[in-house]
Amino acid sequence: MPRSSSHLVLNARAARGLSLGLAVLAAPLIAAPASAQQSGAPGAAPPARSAPAKPSAAKDVTTKEFVEKAAVGALFEIEAGKLAAERAQRAEVKQFAERIVKDHSAADKDMKDALAKAKAAVQPPSQLDADHRRKIETLRAAQGASFDALYVSMMKEDHEEDEDLFGAYAKSGEDPALKAFAQKVLKVIQEHAQIVAKLEKK
């Protein structure tokens, strides 16, 4: 015999009740993985890390900073070059030291000429700072092959600093005359850096 309509209604209600009960039971299971990821529970996938920040571009160099550092650098390289021209053992190191003295003496004169045309009134230092005086004393104390190696190492470090300094001012310097000077000398500094790299490998 066909079932009565009341039986059909009861069965439909029972089915809806069963579905609702299953949904309630399943809800915690569905939510568990998400909460595990948020809480860092064992087995959970680690949260994605943001990409490391890129290093900021080199800051602009003021005219005062450029003149002071360039002048001290020239004084140091000329004095160290004179020492190396006398005491270096390797002929190529002596030749490089002689070129350093010649090129940086010319650059020092060029900077003074640029300062005469410059709008900014900046007086370059006339003597080494404490850090560069210590370097000269350390170089004086070295002997033989150790002297050559130390001189080349100092020139590598100094020319890397020069390249950063002159490169920054050549790009965004405030004073036109000094900016033109920086652009001119930067090429010489880069040539020196290439020679130092070759000396270091020998």
C-alpha atoms as a PDB file:
ATOM      1  CA  MET A   1       0.000   0.000   0.000  1.00  0.00           C
ATOM      2  CA  PRO A   2       1.257   3.610  -0.629  1.00  0.00           C
ATOM      3  CA  ARG A   3       2.497   5.487   2.373  1.00  0.00           C
ATOM      4  CA  SER A   4       0.344   8.223   3.826  1.00  0.00           C
ATOM      5  CA  SER A   5       1.266  11.892   3.343  1.00  0.00           C
ATOM      6  CA  SER A   6       1.968  12.182   7.095  1.00  0.00           C
ATOM      7  CA  HIS A   7       4.648   9.499   6.781  1.00  0.00           C
ATOM      8  CA  LEU A   8       6.267  11.397   3.900  1.00  0.00           C
ATOM      9  CA  VAL A   9       6.336  14.637   5.898  1.00  0.00           C
ATOM     10  CA  LEU A  10       7.944  12.900   8.882  1.00  0.00           C
ATOM     11  CA  ASN A  11      10.598  11.280   6.675  1.00  0.00           C
ATOM     12  CA  ALA A  12      11.444  14.635   5.055  1.00  0.00           C
ATOM     13  CA  ARG A  13      11.794  16.294   8.427  1.00  0.00           C
ATOM     14  CA  ALA A  14      14.009  13.469   9.658  1.00  0.00           C
ATOM     15  CA  ALA A  15      16.259  13.779   6.609  1.00  0.00           C
ATOM     16  CA  ARG A  16      16.616  17.525   7.129  1.00  0.00           C
ATOM     17  CA  GLY A  17      17.436  16.972  10.787  1.00  0.00           C
ATOM     18  CA  LEU A  18      20.065  14.372   9.911  1.00  0.00           C
ATOM     19  CA  SER A  19      21.697  16.724   7.355  1.00  0.00           C
ATOM     20  CA  LEU A  20      21.764  19.545   9.870  1.00  0.00           C
ATOM     21  CA  GLY A  21      23.345  17.304  12.496  1.00  0.00           C
ATOM     22  CA  LEU A  22      26.061  16.147  10.111  1.00  0.00           C
ATOM     23  CA  ALA A  23      26.831  19.753   9.163  1.00  0.00           C
ATOM     24  CA  VAL A  24      27.204  20.721  12.816  1.00  0.00           C
ATOM     25  CA  LEU A  25      29.528  17.777  13.448  1.00  0.00           C
ATOM     26  CA  ALA A  26      31.644  18.503  10.368  1.00  0.00           C
ATOM     27  CA  ALA A  27      32.064  22.230  11.072  1.00  0.00           C
ATOM     28  CA  PRO A  28      34.887  21.838  13.664  1.00  0.00           C
ATOM     29  CA  LEU A  29      36.751  19.473  11.322  1.00  0.00           C
ATOM     30  CA  ILE A  30      36.599  21.971   8.471  1.00  0.00           C
ATOM     31  CA  ALA A  31      37.671  24.884  10.679  1.00  0.00           C
ATOM     32  CA  ALA A  32      40.546  22.969  12.314  1.00  0.00           C
ATOM     33  CA  PRO A  33      43.091  23.176   9.454  1.00  0.00           C
ATOM     34  CA  ALA A  34      42.508  26.918   9.060  1.00  0.00           C
ATOM     35  CA  SER A  35      42.937  27.561  12.782  1.00  0.00           C
ATOM     36  CA  ALA A  36      46.034  25.336  12.812  1.00  0.00           C
ATOM     37  CA  GLN A  37      47.636  27.447  10.093  1.00  0.00           C
ATOM     38  CA  GLN A  38      46.826  30.667  11.947  1.00  0.00           C
ATOM     39  CA  SER A  39      48.095  29.411  15.307  1.00  0.00           C
ATOM     40  CA  GLY A  40      51.239  27.779  13.930  1.00  0.00           C
ATOM     41  CA  ALA A  41      50.243  24.309  15.199  1.00  0.00           C
ATOM     42  CA  PRO A  42      52.577  21.386  14.325  1.00  0.00           C
ATOM     43  CA  GLY A  43      52.018  20.138  10.812  1.00  0.00           C
ATOM     44  CA  ALA A  44      50.579  23.426   9.632  1.00  0.00           C
ATOM     45  CA  ALA A  45      52.062  25.128   6.598  1.00  0.00           C
ATOM     46  CA  PRO A  46      54.250  28.092   7.650  1.00  0.00           C
ATOM     47  CA  PRO A  47      52.907  31.506   6.745  1.00  0.00           C
ATOM     48  CA  ALA A  48      54.367  33.033   3.603  1.00  0.00           C
ATOM     49  CA  ARG A  49      57.230  35.391   4.283  1.00  0.00           C
ATOM     50  CA  SER A  50      57.425  38.752   2.656  1.00  0.00           C
ATOM     51  CA  ALA A  51      60.325  39.365   0.278  1.00  0.00           C
ATOM     52  CA  PRO A  52      63.391  40.943   1.936  1.00  0.00           C
ATOM     53  CA  ALA A  53      63.627  44.664   1.494  1.00  0.00           C
ATOM     54  CA  LYS A  54      66.053  45.809  -1.172  1.00  0.00           C
ATOM     55  CA  PRO A  55      68.996  47.878   0.047  1.00  0.00           C
ATOM     56  CA  SER A  56      68.338  51.559  -0.293  1.00  0.00           C
ATOM     57  CA  ALA A  57      70.192  53.526  -2.920  1.00  0.00           C
ATOM     58  CA  ALA A  58      73.324  55.350  -1.860  1.00  0.00           C
ATOM     59  CA  LYS A  59      72.520  58.697  -0.303  1.00  0.00           C
ATOM     60  CA  ASP A  60      73.406  61.923  -2.031  1.00  0.00           C
ATOM     61  CA  VAL A  61      76.746  63.462  -1.062  1.00  0.00           C
ATOM     62  CA  THR A  62      76.839  67.090   0.011  1.00  0.00           C
ATOM     63  CA  THR A  63      79.467  69.416  -1.441  1.00  0.00           C
ATOM     64  CA  LYS A  64      81.149  69.831   1.949  1.00  0.00           C
ATOM     65  CA  GLU A  65      81.324  66.072   2.505  1.00  0.00           C
ATOM     66  CA  PHE A  66      82.630  65.465  -1.009  1.00  0.00           C
ATOM     67  CA  VAL A  67      85.385  68.093  -0.796  1.00  0.00           C
ATOM     68  CA  GLU A  68      86.569  66.998   2.641  1.00  0.00           C
ATOM     69  CA  LYS A  69      86.681  63.277   1.816  1.00  0.00           C
ATOM     70  CA  ALA A  70      88.199  63.803  -1.637  1.00  0.00           C
ATOM     71  CA  ALA A  71      90.943  66.035  -0.233  1.00  0.00           C
ATOM     72  CA  VAL A  72      91.862  63.650   2.590  1.00  0.00           C
ATOM     73  CA  GLY A  73      91.792  60.716   0.182  1.00  0.00           C
ATOM     74  CA  ALA A  74      94.181  62.492  -2.185  1.00  0.00           C
ATOM     75  CA  LEU A  75      96.579  63.385   0.638  1.00  0.00           C
ATOM     76  CA  PHE A  76      96.578  59.782   1.841  1.00  0.00           C
ATOM     77  CA  GLU A  77      97.116  58.224  -1.570  1.00  0.00           C
ATOM     78  CA  ILE A  78      99.934  60.650  -2.426  1.00  0.00           C
ATOM     79  CA  GLU A  79     101.767  60.002   0.864  1.00  0.00           C
ATOM     80  CA  ALA A  80     101.238  56.229   0.677  1.00  0.00           C
ATOM     81  CA  GLY A  81     102.285  56.288  -2.972  1.00  0.00           C
ATOM     82  CA  LYS A  82     105.549  58.044  -2.168  1.00  0.00           C
ATOM     83  CA  LEU A  83     106.319  55.398   0.458  1.00  0.00           C
ATOM     84  CA  ALA A  84     105.531  52.579  -1.960  1.00  0.00           C
ATOM     85  CA  ALA A  85     107.558  54.124  -4.781  1.00  0.00           C
ATOM     86  CA  GLU A  86     110.604  53.948  -2.474  1.00  0.00           C
ATOM     87  CA  ARG A  87     110.031  50.718  -0.585  1.00  0.00           C
ATOM     88  CA  ALA A  88     107.932  48.343  -2.681  1.00  0.00           C
ATOM     89  CA  GLN A  89     109.782  45.234  -3.834  1.00  0.00           C
ATOM     90  CA  ARG A  90     107.740  44.375  -6.908  1.00  0.00           C
ATOM     91  CA  ALA A  91     108.457  46.558  -9.934  1.00  0.00           C
ATOM     92  CA  GLU A  92     104.776  46.716 -10.949  1.00  0.00           C
ATOM     93  CA  VAL A  93     103.810  47.923  -7.464  1.00  0.00           C
ATOM     94  CA  LYS A  94     106.462  50.651  -7.645  1.00  0.00           C
ATOM     95  CA  GLN A  95     105.185  51.731 -11.075  1.00  0.00           C
ATOM     96  CA  PHE A  96     101.606  51.826  -9.827  1.00  0.00           C
ATOM     97  CA  ALA A  97     102.630  53.875  -6.779  1.00  0.00           C
ATOM     98  CA  GLU A  98     104.420  56.387  -9.015  1.00  0.00           C
ATOM     99  CA  ARG A  99     101.302  56.713 -11.156  1.00  0.00           C
ATOM    100  CA  ILE A 100      99.165  57.184  -8.043  1.00  0.00           C
ATOM    101  CA  VAL A 101     101.352  60.090  -6.904  1.00  0.00           C
ATOM    102  CA  LYS A 102     101.242  61.683 -10.345  1.00  0.00           C
ATOM    103  CA  ASP A 103      97.486  61.222 -10.961  1.00  0.00           C
ATOM    104  CA  HIS A 104      96.338  62.268  -7.499  1.00  0.00           C
ATOM    105  CA  SER A 105      98.633  65.289  -7.426  1.00  0.00           C
ATOM    106  CA  ALA A 106      97.014  66.369 -10.700  1.00  0.00           C
ATOM    107  CA  ALA A 107      93.548  65.625  -9.300  1.00  0.00           C
ATOM    108  CA  ASP A 108      94.320  67.668  -6.197  1.00  0.00           C
ATOM    109  CA  LYS A 109      95.233  70.647  -8.401  1.00  0.00           C
ATOM    110  CA  ASP A 110      92.070  70.125 -10.480  1.00  0.00           C
ATOM    111  CA  MET A 111      89.946  70.166  -7.339  1.00  0.00           C
ATOM    112  CA  LYS A 112      91.475  73.433  -6.191  1.00  0.00           C
ATOM    113  CA  ASP A 113      90.723  74.909  -9.628  1.00  0.00           C
ATOM    114  CA  ALA A 114      87.135  73.642  -9.399  1.00  0.00           C
ATOM    115  CA  LEU A 115      86.788  75.097  -5.910  1.00  0.00           C
ATOM    116  CA  ALA A 116      87.872  78.501  -7.253  1.00  0.00           C
ATOM    117  CA  LYS A 117      84.923  78.341  -9.662  1.00  0.00           C
ATOM    118  CA  ALA A 118      82.512  76.724  -7.214  1.00  0.00           C
ATOM    119  CA  LYS A 119      79.572  78.595  -5.760  1.00  0.00           C
ATOM    120  CA  ALA A 120      79.954  76.932  -2.371  1.00  0.00           C
ATOM    121  CA  ALA A 121      82.735  78.250  -0.128  1.00  0.00           C
ATOM    122  CA  VAL A 122      84.297  75.018   1.170  1.00  0.00           C
ATOM    123  CA  GLN A 123      87.848  74.818   2.468  1.00  0.00           C
ATOM    124  CA  PRO A 124      89.505  71.405   1.869  1.00  0.00           C
ATOM    125  CA  PRO A 125      91.532  69.863   4.724  1.00  0.00           C
ATOM    126  CA  SER A 126      95.286  70.324   4.469  1.00  0.00           C
ATOM    127  CA  GLN A 127      96.281  67.295   6.554  1.00  0.00           C
ATOM    128  CA  LEU A 128      95.251  63.686   7.134  1.00  0.00           C
ATOM    129  CA  ASP A 129      92.590  62.708   9.626  1.00  0.00           C
ATOM    130  CA  ALA A 130      93.375  60.305  12.493  1.00  0.00           C
ATOM    131  CA  ASP A 131      92.227  57.201  10.616  1.00  0.00           C
ATOM    132  CA  HIS A 132      94.451  57.828   7.594  1.00  0.00           C
ATOM    133  CA  ARG A 133      97.429  58.792   9.806  1.00  0.00           C
ATOM    134  CA  ARG A 134      97.126  55.376  11.472  1.00  0.00           C
ATOM    135  CA  LYS A 135      97.129  53.713   8.054  1.00  0.00           C
ATOM    136  CA  ILE A 136     100.311  55.527   7.051  1.00  0.00           C
ATOM    137  CA  GLU A 137     102.031  54.495  10.296  1.00  0.00           C
ATOM    138  CA  THR A 138     100.952  50.885   9.746  1.00  0.00           C
ATOM    139  CA  LEU A 139     102.337  51.010   6.219  1.00  0.00           C
ATOM    140  CA  ARG A 140     105.641  52.483   7.444  1.00  0.00           C
ATOM    141  CA  ALA A 141     106.039  49.564   9.855  1.00  0.00           C
ATOM    142  CA  ALA A 142     105.599  46.908   7.146  1.00  0.00           C
ATOM    143  CA  GLN A 143     108.617  45.331   5.467  1.00  0.00           C
ATOM    144  CA  GLY A 144     109.388  43.380   2.296  1.00  0.00           C
ATOM    145  CA  ALA A 145     106.611  41.408   0.642  1.00  0.00           C
ATOM    146  CA  SER A 146     104.272  42.291   3.513  1.00  0.00           C
ATOM    147  CA  PHE A 147     104.666  45.959   2.606  1.00  0.00           C
ATOM    148  CA  ASP A 148     103.643  45.297  -1.010  1.00  0.00           C
ATOM    149  CA  ALA A 149     100.619  43.253   0.020  1.00  0.00           C
ATOM    150  CA  LEU A 150      99.501  45.838   2.585  1.00  0.00           C
ATOM    151  CA  TYR A 151      99.893  48.732   0.155  1.00  0.00           C
ATOM    152  CA  VAL A 152      97.871  46.960  -2.544  1.00  0.00           C
ATOM    153  CA  SER A 153      95.183  46.075   0.014  1.00  0.00           C
ATOM    154  CA  MET A 154      94.983  49.692   1.197  1.00  0.00           C
ATOM    155  CA  MET A 155      94.738  50.963  -2.371  1.00  0.00           C
ATOM    156  CA  LYS A 156      91.937  48.505  -3.109  1.00  0.00           C
ATOM    157  CA  GLU A 157      89.918  49.686  -0.105  1.00  0.00           C
ATOM    158  CA  ASP A 158      90.644  53.356  -0.737  1.00  0.00           C
ATOM    159  CA  HIS A 159      89.701  53.221  -4.418  1.00  0.00           C
ATOM    160  CA  GLU A 160      86.458  51.413  -3.635  1.00  0.00           C
ATOM    161  CA  GLU A 161      85.573  54.288  -1.293  1.00  0.00           C
ATOM    162  CA  ASP A 162      86.716  56.833  -3.892  1.00  0.00           C
ATOM    163  CA  GLU A 163      84.576  55.208  -6.565  1.00  0.00           C
ATOM    164  CA  ASP A 164      81.487  55.427  -4.345  1.00  0.00           C
ATOM    165  CA  LEU A 165      82.217  59.030  -3.341  1.00  0.00           C
ATOM    166  CA  PHE A 166      83.076  60.393  -6.780  1.00  0.00           C
ATOM    167  CA  GLY A 167      80.359  58.315  -8.456  1.00  0.00           C
ATOM    168  CA  ALA A 168      77.693  59.741  -6.145  1.00  0.00           C
ATOM    169  CA  TYR A 169      78.787  63.350  -6.640  1.00  0.00           C
ATOM    170  CA  ALA A 170      79.309  62.907 -10.384  1.00  0.00           C
ATOM    171  CA  LYS A 171      75.693  61.768 -10.584  1.00  0.00           C
ATOM    172  CA  SER A 172      73.920  64.206  -8.289  1.00  0.00           C
ATOM    173  CA  GLY A 173      76.432  66.810  -7.113  1.00  0.00           C
ATOM    174  CA  GLU A 174      75.133  70.229  -6.128  1.00  0.00           C
ATOM    175  CA  ASP A 175      77.900  72.373  -7.633  1.00  0.00           C
ATOM    176  CA  PRO A 176      78.424  72.269 -11.445  1.00  0.00           C
ATOM    177  CA  ALA A 177      82.214  72.896 -11.327  1.00  0.00           C
ATOM    178  CA  LEU A 178      82.836  70.236  -8.685  1.00  0.00           C
ATOM    179  CA  LYS A 179      80.443  67.837 -10.400  1.00  0.00           C
ATOM    180  CA  ALA A 180      82.445  68.140 -13.639  1.00  0.00           C
ATOM    181  CA  PHE A 181      85.633  67.544 -11.626  1.00  0.00           C
ATOM    182  CA  ALA A 182      84.117  64.411 -10.056  1.00  0.00           C
ATOM    183  CA  GLN A 183      83.106  63.058 -13.465  1.00  0.00           C
ATOM    184  CA  LYS A 184      86.629  63.593 -14.820  1.00  0.00           C
ATOM    185  CA  VAL A 185      88.479  62.041 -11.880  1.00  0.00           C
ATOM    186  CA  LEU A 186      86.039  59.118 -11.583  1.00  0.00           C
ATOM    187  CA  LYS A 187      87.443  57.702 -14.838  1.00  0.00           C
ATOM    188  CA  VAL A 188      90.986  57.841 -13.426  1.00  0.00           C
ATOM    189  CA  ILE A 189      89.853  56.165 -10.203  1.00  0.00           C
ATOM    190  CA  GLN A 190      88.247  53.346 -12.169  1.00  0.00           C
ATOM    191  CA  GLU A 191      91.487  52.829 -14.117  1.00  0.00           C
ATOM    192  CA  HIS A 192      93.399  52.638 -10.838  1.00  0.00           C
ATOM    193  CA  ALA A 193      90.911  50.108  -9.466  1.00  0.00           C
ATOM    194  CA  GLN A 194      91.475  47.863 -12.481  1.00  0.00           C
ATOM    195  CA  ILE A 195      95.256  47.976 -11.966  1.00  0.00           C
ATOM    196  CA  VAL A 196      94.843  47.179  -8.266  1.00  0.00           C
ATOM    197  CA  ALA A 197      92.705  44.140  -9.135  1.00  0.00           C
ATOM    198  CA  LYS A 198      95.493  42.828 -11.382  1.00  0.00           C
ATOM    199  CA  LEU A 199      98.182  43.477  -8.764  1.00  0.00           C
ATOM    200  CA  GLU A 200      96.131  41.658  -6.154  1.00  0.00           C
ATOM    201  CA  LYS A 201      95.955  38.505  -8.301  1.00  0.00           C
ATOM    202  CA  LYS A 202      99.737  38.289  -8.828  1.00  0.00           C
END
